C-alpha atoms as a PDB file:
ATOM      1  CA  MET A   1       7.574   3.776  -6.960  1.00  0.00           C
ATOM      2  CA  ALA A   2       4.935   1.696  -8.942  1.00  0.00           C
ATOM      3  CA  ASN A   3       7.506  -1.164  -9.495  1.00  0.00           C
ATOM      4  CA  LEU A   4       7.685  -1.335  -5.610  1.00  0.00           C
ATOM      5  CA  PHE A   5       4.141  -1.272  -5.006  1.00  0.00           C
ATOM      6  CA  HIS A   6       3.377  -3.865  -7.521  1.00  0.00           C
ATOM      7  CA  PHE A   7       6.345  -6.150  -5.878  1.00  0.00           C
ATOM      8  CA  LEU A   8       5.003  -5.585  -2.531  1.00  0.00           C
ATOM      9  CA  THR A   9       1.277  -6.294  -3.814  1.00  0.00           C
ATOM     10  CA  ASP A  10       2.542  -9.533  -5.446  1.00  0.00           C
ATOM     11  CA  LEU A  11       4.406 -10.622  -2.554  1.00  0.00           C
ATOM     12  CA  ALA A  12       1.514 -10.095  -0.466  1.00  0.00           C
ATOM     13  CA  VAL A  13      -0.996 -12.427  -2.639  1.00  0.00           C
ATOM     14  CA  ASN A  14       1.209 -14.748  -4.367  1.00  0.00           C
ATOM     15  CA  PRO A  15       2.396 -17.800  -2.035  1.00  0.00           C
ATOM     16  CA  THR A  16       5.057 -19.241  -4.317  1.00  0.00           C
ATOM     17  CA  LYS A  17       6.614 -15.788  -4.385  1.00  0.00           C
ATOM     18  CA  GLN A  18       6.341 -15.440  -0.558  1.00  0.00           C
ATOM     19  CA  MET A  19       8.354 -18.881  -0.272  1.00  0.00           C
ATOM     20  CA  ASP A  20      11.096 -17.742  -2.536  1.00  0.00           C
ATOM     21  CA  PHE A  21      11.209 -14.663  -0.747  1.00  0.00           C
ATOM     22  CA  ILE A  22      11.712 -16.385   2.549  1.00  0.00           C
ATOM     23  CA  ARG A  23      14.301 -18.644   1.246  1.00  0.00           C
ATOM     24  CA  TYR A  24      16.096 -16.263  -1.118  1.00  0.00           C
ATOM     25  CA  PRO A  25      15.155 -12.520  -0.618  1.00  0.00           C
ATOM     26  CA  HIS A  26      18.148 -11.028  -2.358  1.00  0.00           C
ATOM     27  CA  THR A  27      17.486 -12.873  -5.386  1.00  0.00           C
ATOM     28  CA  VAL A  28      13.975 -12.347  -5.717  1.00  0.00           C
ATOM     29  CA  ILE A  29      14.557  -8.484  -4.937  1.00  0.00           C
ATOM     30  CA  THR A  30      17.105  -8.488  -7.689  1.00  0.00           C
ATOM     31  CA  ALA A  31      15.041 -10.131  -9.998  1.00  0.00           C
ATOM     32  CA  SER A  32      11.878  -7.727  -9.344  1.00  0.00           C
ATOM     33  CA  GLY A  33      13.401  -4.712 -11.533  1.00  0.00           C
ATOM     34  CA  LEU A  34      13.306  -2.460  -8.370  1.00  0.00           C
ATOM     35  CA  SER A  35      15.827   0.430  -8.195  1.00  0.00           C
ATOM     36  CA  PRO A  36      18.937   0.210  -6.216  1.00  0.00           C
ATOM     37  CA  MET A  37      17.284   2.645  -3.482  1.00  0.00           C
ATOM     38  CA  GLU A  38      14.136   0.499  -3.412  1.00  0.00           C
ATOM     39  CA  GLN A  39      16.151  -2.778  -2.912  1.00  0.00           C
ATOM     40  CA  THR A  40      18.303  -1.456  -0.092  1.00  0.00           C
ATOM     41  CA  ILE A  41      14.909  -0.370   1.551  1.00  0.00           C
ATOM     42  CA  ILE A  42      13.279  -3.743   1.145  1.00  0.00           C
ATOM     43  CA  GLU A  43      16.552  -5.550   2.480  1.00  0.00           C
ATOM     44  CA  SER A  44      16.474  -3.243   5.304  1.00  0.00           C
ATOM     45  CA  ARG A  45      13.280  -4.667   6.474  1.00  0.00           C
ATOM     46  CA  ASN A  46      12.364  -1.319   8.289  1.00  0.00           C
ATOM     47  CA  ARG A  47       8.618  -0.905   8.273  1.00  0.00           C
ATOM     48  CA  ARG A  48       8.981   3.008   8.570  1.00  0.00           C
ATOM     49  CA  GLN A  49      11.363   3.306   5.665  1.00  0.00           C
ATOM     50  CA  ILE A  50       9.060   1.239   3.417  1.00  0.00           C
ATOM     51  CA  SER A  51       6.010   2.959   4.248  1.00  0.00           C
ATOM     52  CA  ALA A  52       7.608   6.472   4.023  1.00  0.00           C
ATOM     53  CA  ILE A  53       8.007   5.704   0.445  1.00  0.00           C
ATOM     54  CA  PHE A  54       4.361   5.669   0.130  1.00  0.00           C
ATOM     55  CA  ALA A  55       3.662   8.586   2.741  1.00  0.00           C
ATOM     56  CA  ASP A  56       2.896  11.275   0.247  1.00  0.00           C
ATOM     57  CA  LYS A  57       0.486   8.939  -1.704  1.00  0.00           C
ATOM     58  CA  ARG A  58      -1.852   8.196   1.234  1.00  0.00           C
ATOM     59  CA  VAL A  59      -5.283   9.702   0.586  1.00  0.00           C
ATOM     60  CA  PRO A  60      -6.565  10.979   3.997  1.00  0.00           C
ATOM     61  CA  MET A  61      -9.774   9.591   5.260  1.00  0.00           C
ATOM     62  CA  ALA A  62     -12.879  11.459   5.143  1.00  0.00           C
ATOM     63  CA  ASN A  63     -14.137  13.161   8.328  1.00  0.00           C
ATOM     64  CA  ILE A  64     -17.379  10.976   8.643  1.00  0.00           C
ATOM     65  CA  CYS A  65     -18.058  12.095  12.412  1.00  0.00           C
ATOM     66  CA  GLY A  66     -19.575  15.507  12.023  1.00  0.00           C
ATOM     67  CA  ASP A  67     -23.195  16.539  11.424  1.00  0.00           C
ATOM     68  CA  PRO A  68     -23.846  16.584   7.758  1.00  0.00           C
ATOM     69  CA  GLY A  69     -26.301  19.405   8.163  1.00  0.00           C
ATOM     70  CA  PRO A  70     -29.969  19.551   6.784  1.00  0.00           C
ATOM     71  CA  ASP A  71     -31.491  17.278   4.059  1.00  0.00           C
ATOM     72  CA  PRO A  72     -31.553  19.436   1.002  1.00  0.00           C
ATOM     73  CA  LEU A  73     -34.150  17.095  -0.401  1.00  0.00           C
ATOM     74  CA  PRO A  74     -37.622  16.681   1.058  1.00  0.00           C
ATOM     75  CA  ASP A  75     -38.820  13.292   2.436  1.00  0.00           C
ATOM     76  CA  PRO A  76     -40.802  11.513  -0.250  1.00  0.00           C
ATOM     77  CA  ASP A  77     -42.794   9.590   2.212  1.00  0.00           C
ATOM     78  CA  PRO A  78     -46.170  11.415   3.504  1.00  0.00           C
ATOM     79  CA  SER A  79     -46.080  12.280   6.990  1.00  0.00           C
END
């Protein structure tokens, strides 16, 4: 999966690789060193299949909507 992550990251930020991918997708995918399964998923261009690979690696967002409770430290400014 690390290879796939690096491949997609490089593709996202490298305009030359983007143009090569648009012109010759199979060649770029084959040269990237991805596993046959990863190559098949990328060639399918199915967003759900691609994101499913990373589904168990996502970090859930913190719940920031609740009340944090009382401040444990006193206010340093005089009243």
